[in-house]
Structures are given as structure tokens and as C-alpha cells.
Amino acid sequence: MISQVKSIPPGLSVLFLALGCLFNATGVHAQESAVAPPSAEAKATSDADFLAAADEVLSKMSEITGLKLRTPLKKSLRSREEIRAYVIKQMNEEKTAAERYGGARSAEAFGLIPKGFDLDAFIVNILTEQVEGLYDPKTREFYIADWSPLSEQRMVMAHELTHALEDQHFQIEAWLKAARPNEDAELARDAVLEGSAMAAMIDYLMLGTGRSLKDLPDFDPSMLLGDLASTPTLQRAPPFIKDALIFPYLGGLTFSAAILKDSGWPGLSGLFEKPPVSTQQILHPALYRSGQIPQTVTLPPLEKLLGSNWSKIDENVMGEFGWKEVLKQFLDGTRAKTLAAAWNGDKYALYEEKQSKRMVLATRLRLDSEEHATRFSGQYSEALEKKYPDRSNLTRRPNFFSFDSPDGGVFLYCFGVECVTLEGATRKMFDGLTKAIEWPMAPQPSQRLESAAPAKTAMIFGSAENNVAASEVVLGPQFLESQGYSFRTANDEKRQIVRLLQSLPKAQQVFETFGD
């Protein structure tokens, strides 16, 4: 699903990589020809100028990376119409129409794109608008946009010609596809390709200064982003699409800089011989160095539970990057980042009813500890409530959460270090799923607390100082939240909190804190 956004070969440089910002900020002066702004009178580059510049830059990139040119390289200028035709052709070759449809529906089911969003058309438009150059590993040909002035082309050449050199040494298309069908692992390899080309491009721009990327200890890759508002299609893109397009470049650059810092460019071959296996390793280079790999997670087939009118249209791995993107849609960025970092493997599957096009989304996520699984249960239940504002029949128990929505039942259940979700299904289907993975049956709705207050809601009352004190006792807000309780203030409903607390252990400690 994530690779749906970047279903084109490595080597697409986009216009939002505005490196001039970096060098102005750090006081580094790169080669004038590489960073000089285009003049108003800039004209289309001639073939002769283009070929001469490409040969010059190719020679420099070979020196920087240590990768020798083994065979002559085809180079050509392409019009915007030709690049658009290439993008469409490549999308059709990379994935079938059914695979692209399944990926788009999965992005919709996770809440990453709006319902009915035409992802195929949007990706074609955004790439046609943004692509400034590319290297095609199938034909082993380097293209450049013919509308760009030569001063801008050299920067793109440095990036794309690094791909060309890597291809001659490591066969990058086959190397990238070796990660399939795991799209998270494929995205991690894409980040190696784009990140290493970004690092080489920065070193090219710093030629003659006596410095390189490794001499920028406080380097922030986000400085490479230009004004996204200046690119109309990208400005309208859902946040997930922006992040998925940018991640291989900037996330890959941070990873490549960290791994190559000690070894330098001679260590590049090691990244291809032992590639990262997940986006988690890209986001946390120390995990790549230590060799920590995620667990393999499986989901049982649900076709028998759903019936003959349903078919599975997508199944894959989200990875830490994917789950971070999902969580960001409904929680703040800091919480999303923290929760996703506990990822230790996952699998999702999307089913669609043939006539109605209704969807059922199943996920199984492994966390790195039971504590993080419990935390995920509490915070992802909040995300699901925001995702489905129109809901009813809510049930909340420790590590279990469910409600009804217009699209069907929504279930979240955590057991041990794992959590499963099922959206758009019935309770019978959910029980069938948990039975298939040999989990205990989840609590039934009839097991709700009987009280005048909403199920599993603690009424906190009294003065502010008493409320602060309550957070310091054993049975304080943090404990109750971990058991699935939510909080609201009700000064006139003391009796209800008394009744609730009397049924819980260590209640006396709370009474001593609050008084009578």
C-alpha cells in the first residue's frame, strides 16, 4: 500500500529538494555552476551542453562514491509530456490495476486518504509536476527535464548519476524487488537508494570546500525542503502522500549519513550486501547496526468467516513508518512517533464485498513489550473514536475496546505483546479471528459495569489540589486509564465515585486522599 505512492523506479528527483537553503545556512559555498539561481533569460539546454555537463558530473560522482563506470551510459533530454507518459507506463508495469486498487483502498481504510480519492491520477499529476530527472534501470538511461536551466540540472545529475553508478555495481532494480512482497522492507531499500544518492549529491555540491556531509554534525535533512506551498499539486496532497514521497530522500539521507559516517563511501557496498530489513532500521540506524530485526506476524484467512461475497484485495506489512503515519492522522505527532517506535512486526489484510464495496480491515501488530501493548490499546482506542465519530454501543474493558459504526463493528484487543483490530465486521467475525490465533475470547458487552454513570468512567471531583494528590496514589488516574477508564469532573456526583471505588482494590487509599 505504501509503495503505491512510490511505484516508480529509483532515481526520481523532485523539485522540493531545494539544497540552496542548506548551504546558505551553513556558510558552505558550493560550485557556482551547481547552485547559481536560474536567470530570467534562461533557455532550454541544448543537447551538446547537456551531454557535456552530464559527462563532467558523472566523472565527479565516480570519484566521490568510488564506483567506476563500467559501461557507457545513455543520456537524453525529455519533455514534460514524455516524462508523464513514462510515469504512467512505469506505474502500469510495477503493479497491476487490481494491485493499485487494493493499495488505494487500504490507504482509505486506514484513514490515510479521503474516501473516493483517486490515488492513481493524483500520483501521476504530482510526479509530472515534480519530476526533474530520473534514471531508468530497465533501459539504463538517464533522463533530465528539458525545461530546467543547466544550473539546476547539475544538482539533479549528481543524484541520478549516483543511481546509474550504483546500478552498474549492484543491479538496483533486482535488488529493490528482492524485498517483495514486504512493502515495508521494500521502502527501506528505497531509502538506501535515495538516501545514498542524496548524500553523494551533497558531497558533490561541497567539492572544492574541503568539507563533506560528515563534516556537518548538526545537519537537519528537513532543511532540504523548499516551499511546498509553491507546488500546487503537492500542496493539496494528503499528509501521508507528502510523507511517503519525502521519506526515502530525507529519512534515507539521515540513515546513510549515520551508517557511512565512520566508513565513508567504501562502506556503501555493505548497505547493498546487507540491506536494512524495515523502515524501523531506517528511522533508528542503531537498530540496523545491532542487527535487530522485526518478528514475522501472520493473519489467518477470513474468507470463510466473511462468506463467498467477499474477497481479499490487499495484504502486506505497514512497518514503523506506516503505523506512525496512521497514528498521526488522529493523535499528535509526538505520541504517534513514540507509539510507532515500539513496533516489532505486523500484518494487515483488507477484504471487500463484491457488490456493495464494503470493507473489512484486519490488523495484527506485535509490540516490543506488554507495557507498550497496553499503552497502544489505550491510545489507539482514542484514535479509533476520532476515526469513527458516529458510533454507538461502546464497550471498554482492560485491553479490549469495541463499538458499532455505520460501516460495521470496530474491535481492538490486546493480549500479551500483540494487538489485533477488526473494522467493518461483526462480533461473530471478531470472535472467529481471535479463535483462529488461539487467543482467549474477548469480554462480552453484557459484562459492562451497571451504574448510572457511563460504563468504565470514573467521576473525579473536589478541589484542584485533591485532584493532583489523587495522581500520586496507587489507584490514581494513570492506573485507572490503564484499566480503560476515562475521566471527567462532576462536583455534584460524589456518590457515584464512591460506589465505583468501593468495588476496586486499595480503595481506602483513595478515600484517605479525597476525604469524606
Protein backbone atom coordinates (compact mmCIF):
# COMPACT_ATOMS: atom_id res chain seq x y z
CA MET A 1 0.00 0.00 0.00
CA ILE A 2 2.79 2.42 0.89
CA SER A 3 4.77 1.55 -2.23
CA GLN A 4 1.66 2.57 -4.19
CA VAL A 5 2.76 6.17 -3.63
CA LYS A 6 6.24 5.49 -4.97
CA SER A 7 5.53 2.88 -7.64
CA ILE A 8 8.28 4.15 -9.92
CA PRO A 9 11.91 3.14 -10.21
CA PRO A 10 14.63 4.66 -8.03
CA GLY A 11 16.01 7.87 -9.37
CA LEU A 12 13.14 10.34 -9.43
CA SER A 13 14.42 13.66 -8.16
CA VAL A 14 11.76 16.14 -7.21
CA LEU A 15 11.75 19.90 -7.16
CA PHE A 16 11.09 20.23 -3.43
CA LEU A 17 14.73 19.25 -2.76
CA ALA A 18 15.99 22.83 -2.51
CA LEU A 19 19.60 22.41 -1.44
CA GLY A 20 20.42 26.08 -1.63
CA CYS A 21 18.83 26.51 1.81
CA LEU A 22 21.33 24.12 3.35
CA PHE A 23 24.41 25.84 2.06
CA ASN A 24 23.20 29.33 2.85
CA ALA A 25 22.51 28.23 6.41
CA THR A 26 25.85 26.51 6.98
CA GLY A 27 28.07 29.02 5.23
CA VAL A 28 29.32 26.44 2.74
CA HIS A 29 29.85 27.71 -0.79
CA ALA A 30 29.37 25.01 -3.41
CA GLN A 31 30.36 25.15 -7.03
CA GLU A 32 28.72 28.16 -8.61
CA SER A 33 27.51 26.17 -11.58
CA ALA A 34 25.67 23.79 -9.29
CA VAL A 35 23.74 26.24 -7.16
CA ALA A 36 23.51 29.50 -9.12
CA PRO A 37 19.86 30.60 -9.45
CA PRO A 38 18.45 30.48 -12.98
CA SER A 39 18.33 33.80 -14.76
CA ALA A 40 15.14 35.18 -16.24
CA GLU A 41 16.63 34.70 -19.68
CA ALA A 42 17.50 31.05 -19.07
CA LYS A 43 16.72 28.96 -22.15
CA ALA A 44 16.28 25.27 -22.70
CA THR A 45 19.52 23.37 -22.55
CA SER A 46 20.98 22.22 -25.86
CA ASP A 47 21.85 18.57 -26.34
CA ALA A 48 25.54 19.40 -26.57
CA ASP A 49 25.57 21.39 -23.32
CA PHE A 50 23.56 18.69 -21.56
CA LEU A 51 25.86 15.84 -22.67
CA ALA A 52 28.99 17.77 -21.73
CA ALA A 53 27.64 18.63 -18.28
CA ALA A 54 26.43 15.06 -17.68
CA ASP A 55 29.83 13.60 -18.54
CA GLU A 56 31.54 16.07 -16.22
CA VAL A 57 29.19 15.36 -13.31
CA LEU A 58 29.36 11.60 -13.90
CA SER A 59 33.14 11.72 -13.59
CA LYS A 60 32.86 13.62 -10.30
CA MET A 61 30.28 11.21 -8.87
CA SER A 62 32.52 8.28 -9.72
CA GLU A 63 35.35 9.96 -7.78
CA ILE A 64 33.11 10.73 -4.78
CA THR A 65 31.48 7.30 -4.44
CA GLY A 66 34.42 5.19 -5.63
CA LEU A 67 32.11 3.44 -8.11
CA LYS A 68 33.71 3.16 -11.53
CA LEU A 69 31.71 3.50 -14.73
CA ARG A 70 31.70 0.00 -16.23
CA THR A 71 29.66 0.56 -19.39
CA PRO A 72 28.70 3.69 -21.37
CA LEU A 73 25.54 5.41 -20.15
CA LYS A 74 22.67 6.63 -22.33
CA LYS A 75 21.61 10.21 -21.61
CA SER A 76 18.73 12.27 -23.02
CA LEU A 77 16.56 15.33 -22.51
CA ARG A 78 12.82 14.70 -22.10
CA SER A 79 9.77 16.94 -22.34
CA ARG A 80 7.12 17.10 -19.64
CA GLU A 81 4.75 15.10 -21.85
CA GLU A 82 7.37 12.38 -22.32
CA ILE A 83 8.03 12.20 -18.58
CA ARG A 84 4.29 11.97 -17.87
CA ALA A 85 3.97 9.10 -20.36
CA TYR A 86 6.93 7.38 -18.71
CA VAL A 87 5.40 7.71 -15.23
CA ILE A 88 2.11 6.16 -16.42
CA LYS A 89 3.91 3.35 -18.23
CA GLN A 90 6.03 2.60 -15.19
CA MET A 91 3.05 2.55 -12.81
CA ASN A 92 1.29 0.04 -15.05
CA GLU A 93 4.39 -2.16 -15.20
CA GLU A 94 5.15 -2.04 -11.49
CA LYS A 95 1.66 -3.03 -10.31
CA THR A 96 -1.49 -4.36 -11.95
CA ALA A 97 -4.67 -2.30 -11.87
CA ALA A 98 -6.05 -4.68 -9.21
CA GLU A 99 -2.95 -4.26 -7.03
CA ARG A 100 -3.10 -0.49 -7.29
CA TYR A 101 -6.82 -0.55 -6.48
CA GLY A 102 -6.19 -2.71 -3.40
CA GLY A 103 -3.41 -0.40 -2.23
CA ALA A 104 -5.57 2.70 -2.61
CA ARG A 105 -8.48 1.05 -0.77
CA SER A 106 -6.14 0.07 2.07
CA ALA A 107 -4.90 3.65 2.37
CA GLU A 108 -8.55 4.72 2.55
CA ALA A 109 -9.42 2.03 5.14
CA PHE A 110 -6.56 3.15 7.42
CA GLY A 111 -7.73 6.76 7.13
CA LEU A 112 -4.62 7.88 5.23
CA ILE A 113 -6.51 9.32 2.25
CA PRO A 114 -10.10 10.58 1.92
CA LYS A 115 -12.83 8.24 0.75
CA GLY A 116 -13.09 8.14 -3.04
CA PHE A 117 -9.67 9.74 -3.50
CA ASP A 118 -8.26 8.94 -6.98
CA LEU A 119 -4.75 7.96 -5.90
CA ASP A 120 -3.56 6.84 -9.34
CA ALA A 121 -4.44 10.13 -11.03
CA PHE A 122 -3.04 12.17 -8.17
CA ILE A 123 0.31 10.36 -8.20
CA VAL A 124 0.65 10.81 -11.97
CA ASN A 125 -0.09 14.54 -11.63
CA ILE A 126 2.21 15.11 -8.69
CA LEU A 127 5.12 13.28 -10.30
CA THR A 128 4.63 15.03 -13.63
CA GLU A 129 4.73 18.33 -11.78
CA GLN A 130 7.67 17.44 -9.54
CA VAL A 131 10.00 15.18 -11.52
CA GLU A 132 13.09 16.97 -12.74
CA GLY A 133 15.15 13.95 -13.73
CA LEU A 134 15.34 10.19 -13.47
CA TYR A 135 17.44 7.13 -14.11
CA ASP A 136 15.67 4.14 -15.64
CA PRO A 137 17.36 0.88 -14.59
CA LYS A 138 15.38 -1.09 -17.18
CA THR A 139 16.87 0.76 -20.14
CA ARG A 140 19.92 2.03 -18.22
CA GLU A 141 19.21 5.52 -19.43
CA PHE A 142 19.44 8.87 -17.66
CA TYR A 143 16.75 11.49 -18.42
CA ILE A 144 16.61 15.15 -17.48
CA ALA A 145 13.71 17.60 -17.80
CA ASP A 146 14.33 19.80 -20.83
CA TRP A 147 12.66 22.86 -19.28
CA SER A 148 15.21 23.20 -16.46
CA PRO A 149 18.18 25.55 -16.80
CA LEU A 150 21.60 23.89 -16.78
CA SER A 151 22.47 25.44 -13.41
CA GLU A 152 19.67 23.44 -11.80
CA GLN A 153 20.28 20.31 -13.85
CA ARG A 154 23.73 19.69 -12.40
CA MET A 155 22.31 19.11 -8.92
CA VAL A 156 19.79 16.60 -10.31
CA MET A 157 22.52 14.96 -12.40
CA ALA A 158 24.62 14.36 -9.28
CA HIS A 159 21.69 12.47 -7.71
CA GLU A 160 20.58 10.48 -10.74
CA LEU A 161 24.07 9.58 -11.94
CA THR A 162 24.79 8.14 -8.49
CA HIS A 163 21.87 5.78 -9.18
CA ALA A 164 23.39 4.92 -12.55
CA LEU A 165 26.73 4.03 -10.95
CA GLU A 166 25.03 2.04 -8.18
CA ASP A 167 23.04 0.15 -10.81
CA GLN A 168 26.17 -0.91 -12.68
CA HIS A 169 27.63 -2.30 -9.46
CA PHE A 170 24.58 -3.58 -7.54
CA GLN A 171 21.74 -4.05 -10.11
CA ILE A 172 19.40 -1.82 -8.17
CA GLU A 173 16.07 -2.85 -9.73
CA ALA A 174 16.50 -6.54 -8.89
CA TRP A 175 17.97 -5.60 -5.51
CA LEU A 176 14.95 -3.43 -4.69
CA LYS A 177 12.41 -6.03 -5.79
CA ALA A 178 14.13 -8.76 -3.75
CA ALA A 179 12.33 -7.36 -0.69
CA ARG A 180 8.88 -8.10 -2.13
CA PRO A 181 6.17 -8.79 -1.16
CA ASN A 182 7.08 -6.97 2.09
CA GLU A 183 6.41 -3.32 1.19
CA ASP A 184 7.94 -2.03 4.42
CA ALA A 185 11.21 -3.78 3.61
CA GLU A 186 10.99 -2.52 0.02
CA LEU A 187 10.54 1.05 1.26
CA ALA A 188 13.60 0.59 3.49
CA ARG A 189 15.69 -0.42 0.47
CA ASP A 190 14.30 2.52 -1.49
CA ALA A 191 15.50 4.75 1.35
CA VAL A 192 19.01 3.34 0.94
CA LEU A 193 18.96 4.16 -2.78
CA GLU A 194 17.58 7.67 -2.42
CA GLY A 195 19.44 8.44 0.79
CA SER A 196 22.84 7.44 -0.57
CA ALA A 197 22.20 9.45 -3.76
CA MET A 198 21.26 12.45 -1.61
CA ALA A 199 24.47 12.08 0.39
CA ALA A 200 26.53 11.88 -2.81
CA MET A 201 24.74 14.94 -4.19
CA ILE A 202 25.62 16.95 -1.08
CA ASP A 203 29.26 15.89 -1.33
CA TYR A 204 29.23 16.98 -4.98
CA LEU A 205 27.90 20.39 -4.06
CA MET A 206 30.63 20.74 -1.45
CA LEU A 207 33.51 19.90 -3.80
CA GLY A 208 36.31 22.39 -3.53
CA THR A 209 35.42 23.38 0.04
CA GLY A 210 37.47 20.69 1.75
CA ARG A 211 34.33 19.51 3.50
CA SER A 212 31.65 16.86 3.03
CA LEU A 213 28.41 15.67 4.58
CA LYS A 214 30.22 14.04 7.51
CA ASP A 215 31.56 17.49 8.48
CA LEU A 216 28.02 18.72 9.21
CA PRO A 217 27.30 17.18 12.65
CA ASP A 218 24.16 19.24 13.24
CA PHE A 219 22.80 18.68 9.77
CA ASP A 220 19.00 18.66 9.65
CA PRO A 221 17.64 16.97 6.48
CA SER A 222 14.39 18.96 6.74
CA MET A 223 16.44 21.98 5.62
CA LEU A 224 16.39 20.39 2.17
CA LEU A 225 12.66 21.02 1.83
CA GLY A 226 11.76 24.02 -0.22
CA ASP A 227 8.44 25.82 -0.10
CA LEU A 228 5.88 23.05 -0.55
CA ALA A 229 3.18 25.69 -1.00
CA SER A 230 4.84 26.73 -4.24
CA THR A 231 4.00 23.39 -5.86
CA PRO A 232 0.20 23.32 -6.37
CA THR A 233 -0.38 19.56 -6.54
CA LEU A 234 1.92 18.75 -3.64
CA GLN A 235 0.24 21.46 -1.58
CA ARG A 236 -3.10 19.64 -1.98
CA ALA A 237 -1.65 16.23 -1.20
CA PRO A 238 -2.85 14.41 1.93
CA PRO A 239 -0.11 14.42 4.61
CA PHE A 240 0.51 10.69 4.11
CA ILE A 241 1.36 11.17 0.43
CA LYS A 242 3.76 14.01 1.20
CA ASP A 243 5.47 11.95 3.89
CA ALA A 244 5.68 8.82 1.73
CA LEU A 245 7.26 10.76 -1.13
CA ILE A 246 9.76 12.56 1.09
CA PHE A 247 10.71 9.72 3.45
CA PRO A 248 13.10 7.82 1.12
CA TYR A 249 15.02 11.04 0.45
CA LEU A 250 15.26 12.65 3.87
CA GLY A 251 14.87 9.57 6.09
CA GLY A 252 17.24 7.73 3.78
CA LEU A 253 19.75 10.59 3.92
CA THR A 254 19.80 10.59 7.73
CA PHE A 255 20.29 6.81 7.72
CA SER A 256 23.01 6.86 5.04
CA ALA A 257 24.88 9.69 6.77
CA ALA A 258 24.82 7.78 10.07
CA ILE A 259 25.98 4.47 8.59
CA LEU A 260 28.62 5.93 6.26
CA LYS A 261 29.99 8.40 8.79
CA ASP A 262 32.72 6.08 10.05
CA SER A 263 33.47 4.03 6.95
CA GLY A 264 32.94 6.70 4.31
CA TRP A 265 31.95 5.76 0.76
CA PRO A 266 33.85 2.43 0.84
CA GLY A 267 31.09 1.28 3.22
CA LEU A 268 28.40 1.76 0.58
CA SER A 269 28.73 -1.78 -0.74
CA GLY A 270 27.92 -3.09 2.75
CA LEU A 271 24.48 -1.46 2.61
CA PHE A 272 23.71 -3.38 -0.58
CA GLU A 273 25.17 -6.65 0.69
CA LYS A 274 23.29 -6.39 3.99
CA PRO A 275 20.32 -4.06 3.38
CA PRO A 276 18.03 -2.80 6.15
CA VAL A 277 15.00 -5.05 6.59
CA SER A 278 12.46 -2.49 7.79
CA THR A 279 11.71 1.21 7.90
CA GLN A 280 12.34 0.89 11.63
CA GLN A 281 16.02 0.34 10.88
CA ILE A 282 15.98 3.41 8.64
CA LEU A 283 14.39 5.51 11.37
CA HIS A 284 16.75 4.09 14.03
CA PRO A 285 20.18 3.39 12.47
CA ALA A 286 21.41 1.89 15.75
CA LEU A 287 18.96 -1.00 15.26
CA TYR A 288 20.48 -1.65 11.84
CA ARG A 289 23.96 -1.71 13.34
CA SER A 290 22.87 -4.10 16.09
CA GLY A 291 21.10 -6.39 13.63
CA GLN A 292 17.76 -6.20 15.43
CA ILE A 293 15.04 -7.46 13.09
CA PRO A 294 11.23 -7.46 13.49
CA GLN A 295 9.18 -10.57 14.21
CA THR A 296 7.22 -12.31 11.46
CA VAL A 297 3.50 -11.80 12.03
CA THR A 298 0.69 -13.71 10.35
CA LEU A 299 -3.07 -13.25 9.98
CA PRO A 300 -5.44 -16.18 9.48
CA PRO A 301 -7.63 -16.10 6.35
CA LEU A 302 -11.08 -14.65 6.95
CA GLU A 303 -12.83 -15.73 3.75
CA LYS A 304 -14.84 -18.46 5.50
CA LEU A 305 -15.97 -16.09 8.22
CA LEU A 306 -16.94 -13.39 5.72
CA GLY A 307 -18.61 -15.56 3.09
CA SER A 308 -18.35 -16.05 -0.66
CA ASN A 309 -19.33 -12.46 -1.48
CA TRP A 310 -16.07 -11.18 -0.02
CA SER A 311 -12.55 -11.27 -1.41
CA LYS A 312 -9.16 -10.24 -0.07
CA ILE A 313 -7.85 -7.32 -2.15
CA ASP A 314 -4.69 -6.40 -0.25
CA GLU A 315 -2.34 -7.84 2.36
CA ASN A 316 1.02 -6.53 3.49
CA VAL A 317 3.19 -5.04 6.23
CA MET A 318 2.83 -1.45 7.46
CA GLY A 319 6.09 -1.18 9.41
CA GLU A 320 7.01 1.54 11.87
CA PHE A 321 6.76 4.24 9.20
CA GLY A 322 3.29 3.09 8.14
CA TRP A 323 1.91 2.87 11.67
CA LYS A 324 3.40 6.26 12.52
CA GLU A 325 1.52 7.70 9.54
CA VAL A 326 -1.74 6.07 10.67
CA LEU A 327 -1.38 7.31 14.23
CA LYS A 328 -0.51 10.83 13.04
CA GLN A 329 -3.93 11.11 11.40
CA PHE A 330 -5.66 11.01 14.80
CA LEU A 331 -3.08 11.68 17.53
CA ASP A 332 -0.43 14.35 17.88
CA GLY A 333 2.92 13.76 16.16
CA THR A 334 4.87 13.14 19.37
CA ARG A 335 2.54 10.40 20.60
CA ALA A 336 2.39 8.86 17.16
CA LYS A 337 6.18 8.72 16.93
CA THR A 338 6.55 7.22 20.42
CA LEU A 339 3.86 4.57 19.93
CA ALA A 340 5.13 3.55 16.50
CA ALA A 341 8.70 3.16 17.80
CA ALA A 342 7.52 0.16 19.87
CA TRP A 343 6.64 -1.68 16.63
CA ASN A 344 8.10 -5.17 16.34
CA GLY A 345 6.24 -6.61 13.35
CA ASP A 346 2.76 -6.51 11.83
CA LYS A 347 0.47 -7.73 9.08
CA TYR A 348 -2.75 -6.27 7.70
CA ALA A 349 -5.37 -7.63 5.30
CA LEU A 350 -8.21 -5.83 3.55
CA TYR A 351 -11.37 -7.57 2.35
CA GLU A 352 -14.04 -6.11 0.09
CA GLU A 353 -17.63 -7.18 -0.52
CA LYS A 354 -18.05 -7.59 -4.25
CA GLN A 355 -21.40 -5.84 -4.70
CA SER A 356 -21.53 -3.15 -2.01
CA LYS A 357 -17.76 -2.50 -1.92
CA ARG A 358 -17.91 -2.51 1.89
CA MET A 359 -14.55 -3.12 3.51
CA VAL A 360 -13.27 -5.16 6.44
CA LEU A 361 -9.79 -4.27 7.66
CA ALA A 362 -7.88 -6.68 9.89
CA THR A 363 -4.52 -5.92 11.51
CA ARG A 364 -2.22 -7.76 13.86
CA LEU A 365 0.54 -5.75 15.49
CA ARG A 366 3.39 -7.00 17.68
CA LEU A 367 4.90 -4.53 20.16
CA ASP A 368 8.24 -4.81 21.91
CA SER A 369 6.73 -5.26 25.41
CA GLU A 370 3.44 -5.89 27.21
CA GLU A 371 3.66 -2.39 28.65
CA HIS A 372 3.75 -0.89 25.17
CA ALA A 373 0.91 -3.17 24.03
CA THR A 374 -1.22 -1.85 26.90
CA ARG A 375 -0.28 1.71 26.03
CA PHE A 376 -1.13 1.09 22.38
CA SER A 377 -4.51 -0.30 23.43
CA GLY A 378 -5.39 2.84 25.34
CA GLN A 379 -4.16 5.34 22.78
CA TYR A 380 -5.26 3.58 19.61
CA SER A 381 -8.76 3.27 21.07
CA GLU A 382 -8.71 7.07 21.23
CA ALA A 383 -7.63 7.20 17.60
CA LEU A 384 -10.44 4.87 16.56
CA GLU A 385 -13.00 7.04 18.34
CA LYS A 386 -11.77 10.04 16.35
CA LYS A 387 -11.82 8.00 13.16
CA TYR A 388 -15.47 6.99 13.74
CA PRO A 389 -17.23 9.98 15.35
CA ASP A 390 -20.66 8.43 14.66
CA ARG A 391 -20.59 5.38 16.95
CA SER A 392 -22.78 3.54 19.47
CA ASN A 393 -22.77 0.59 21.88
CA LEU A 394 -19.26 1.32 23.11
CA THR A 395 -17.63 -1.33 25.32
CA ARG A 396 -14.37 -0.63 27.11
CA ARG A 397 -12.56 -3.23 29.22
CA PRO A 398 -8.87 -3.66 30.08
CA ASN A 399 -7.08 -4.15 26.74
CA PHE A 400 -10.38 -4.52 24.88
CA PHE A 401 -12.44 -1.89 23.10
CA SER A 402 -15.35 -2.10 20.68
CA PHE A 403 -18.24 -0.10 19.27
CA ASP A 404 -20.68 -0.08 16.37
CA SER A 405 -20.29 2.32 13.46
CA PRO A 406 -22.27 2.88 10.25
CA ASP A 407 -19.57 0.83 8.49
CA GLY A 408 -19.84 -2.11 10.92
CA GLY A 409 -18.34 -3.16 14.22
CA VAL A 410 -14.90 -1.91 15.30
CA PHE A 411 -12.78 -4.03 17.64
CA LEU A 412 -9.39 -3.59 19.34
CA TYR A 413 -8.00 -6.35 21.55
CA CYS A 414 -4.50 -6.69 23.03
CA PHE A 415 -3.12 -9.85 24.57
CA GLY A 416 0.47 -10.21 25.74
CA VAL A 417 2.68 -8.19 23.40
CA GLU A 418 0.23 -8.20 20.47
CA CYS A 419 -2.84 -6.24 19.43
CA VAL A 420 -5.43 -7.09 16.78
CA THR A 421 -8.02 -4.83 15.22
CA LEU A 422 -11.02 -5.60 13.04
CA GLU A 423 -13.01 -2.80 11.42
CA GLY A 424 -16.27 -3.15 9.50
CA ALA A 425 -17.08 -6.62 10.83
CA THR A 426 -19.45 -8.34 13.28
CA ARG A 427 -18.74 -9.66 16.76
CA LYS A 428 -19.03 -13.19 15.40
CA MET A 429 -16.29 -12.48 12.84
CA PHE A 430 -14.10 -10.94 15.52
CA ASP A 431 -14.52 -13.97 17.79
CA GLY A 432 -13.62 -16.17 14.85
CA LEU A 433 -10.43 -14.18 14.30
CA THR A 434 -9.30 -14.39 17.92
CA LYS A 435 -10.12 -18.10 18.00
CA ALA A 436 -8.02 -18.68 14.87
CA ILE A 437 -4.98 -17.07 16.51
CA GLU A 438 -5.70 -19.04 19.72
CA TRP A 439 -6.40 -16.07 21.97
CA PRO A 440 -8.85 -16.09 24.91
CA MET A 441 -12.28 -14.79 23.96
CA ALA A 442 -12.62 -11.05 24.43
CA PRO A 443 -15.06 -9.70 27.06
CA GLN A 444 -18.69 -9.64 26.04
CA PRO A 445 -20.79 -6.43 26.01
CA SER A 446 -23.03 -7.86 28.75
CA GLN A 447 -20.11 -7.67 31.17
CA ARG A 448 -20.32 -3.87 31.42
CA LEU A 449 -20.49 -2.20 34.83
CA GLU A 450 -24.03 -1.39 35.95
CA SER A 451 -24.23 2.18 37.22
CA ALA A 452 -25.84 5.47 36.42
CA ALA A 453 -22.53 6.68 35.03
CA PRO A 454 -21.29 5.57 31.58
CA ALA A 455 -19.51 2.22 31.66
CA LYS A 456 -15.95 2.44 32.95
CA THR A 457 -15.99 6.14 33.70
CA ALA A 458 -14.51 7.46 36.93
CA MET A 459 -16.04 10.69 38.26
CA ILE A 460 -13.26 12.84 39.75
CA PHE A 461 -14.42 15.66 41.97
CA GLY A 462 -13.25 18.07 44.63
CA SER A 463 -10.63 20.77 44.64
CA ALA A 464 -7.74 21.02 42.22
CA GLU A 465 -5.24 20.14 44.94
CA ASN A 466 -7.17 16.99 45.79
CA ASN A 467 -7.17 16.01 42.13
CA VAL A 468 -3.40 16.46 41.98
CA ALA A 469 -2.98 14.36 45.09
CA ALA A 470 -5.03 11.57 43.55
CA SER A 471 -2.48 11.14 40.78
CA GLU A 472 0.13 10.24 43.36
CA VAL A 473 -1.65 7.28 44.97
CA VAL A 474 -1.61 3.72 43.75
CA LEU A 475 -5.16 3.93 42.40
CA GLY A 476 -4.67 7.24 40.58
CA PRO A 477 -5.61 8.43 37.10
CA GLN A 478 -2.72 6.65 35.38
CA PHE A 479 -3.74 3.32 36.88
CA LEU A 480 -7.40 3.81 36.03
CA GLU A 481 -6.54 4.86 32.46
CA SER A 482 -4.54 1.67 32.03
CA GLN A 483 -7.70 -0.22 33.02
CA GLY A 484 -9.74 1.55 30.35
CA TYR A 485 -11.30 4.34 32.43
CA SER A 486 -11.76 7.90 31.21
CA PHE A 487 -12.10 10.96 33.46
CA ARG A 488 -14.50 13.86 33.83
CA THR A 489 -15.14 16.32 36.62
CA ALA A 490 -18.53 16.24 38.38
CA ASN A 491 -18.61 18.09 41.69
CA ASP A 492 -22.22 17.13 42.36
CA GLU A 493 -21.83 13.36 41.76
CA LYS A 494 -19.68 12.23 44.70
CA ARG A 495 -21.83 9.22 45.42
CA GLN A 496 -21.02 7.66 42.06
CA ILE A 497 -17.28 7.80 42.52
CA VAL A 498 -17.72 6.28 45.99
CA ARG A 499 -19.72 3.38 44.58
CA LEU A 500 -17.14 2.78 41.87
CA LEU A 501 -14.14 2.97 44.16
CA GLN A 502 -15.66 0.71 46.79
CA SER A 503 -15.63 -2.08 44.21
CA LEU A 504 -11.96 -1.66 43.45
CA PRO A 505 -8.84 -2.77 45.37
CA LYS A 506 -6.96 -0.29 47.56
CA ALA A 507 -9.97 1.98 47.62
CA GLN A 508 -9.18 3.09 51.16
CA GLN A 509 -6.04 4.88 49.92
CA VAL A 510 -8.19 6.97 47.62
CA PHE A 511 -10.71 7.79 50.36
CA GLU A 512 -7.87 8.90 52.63
CA THR A 513 -6.65 11.21 49.89
CA PHE A 514 -10.01 12.71 48.99
CA GLY A 515 -11.50 12.78 52.47
CA ASP A 516 -15.17 12.10 53.11
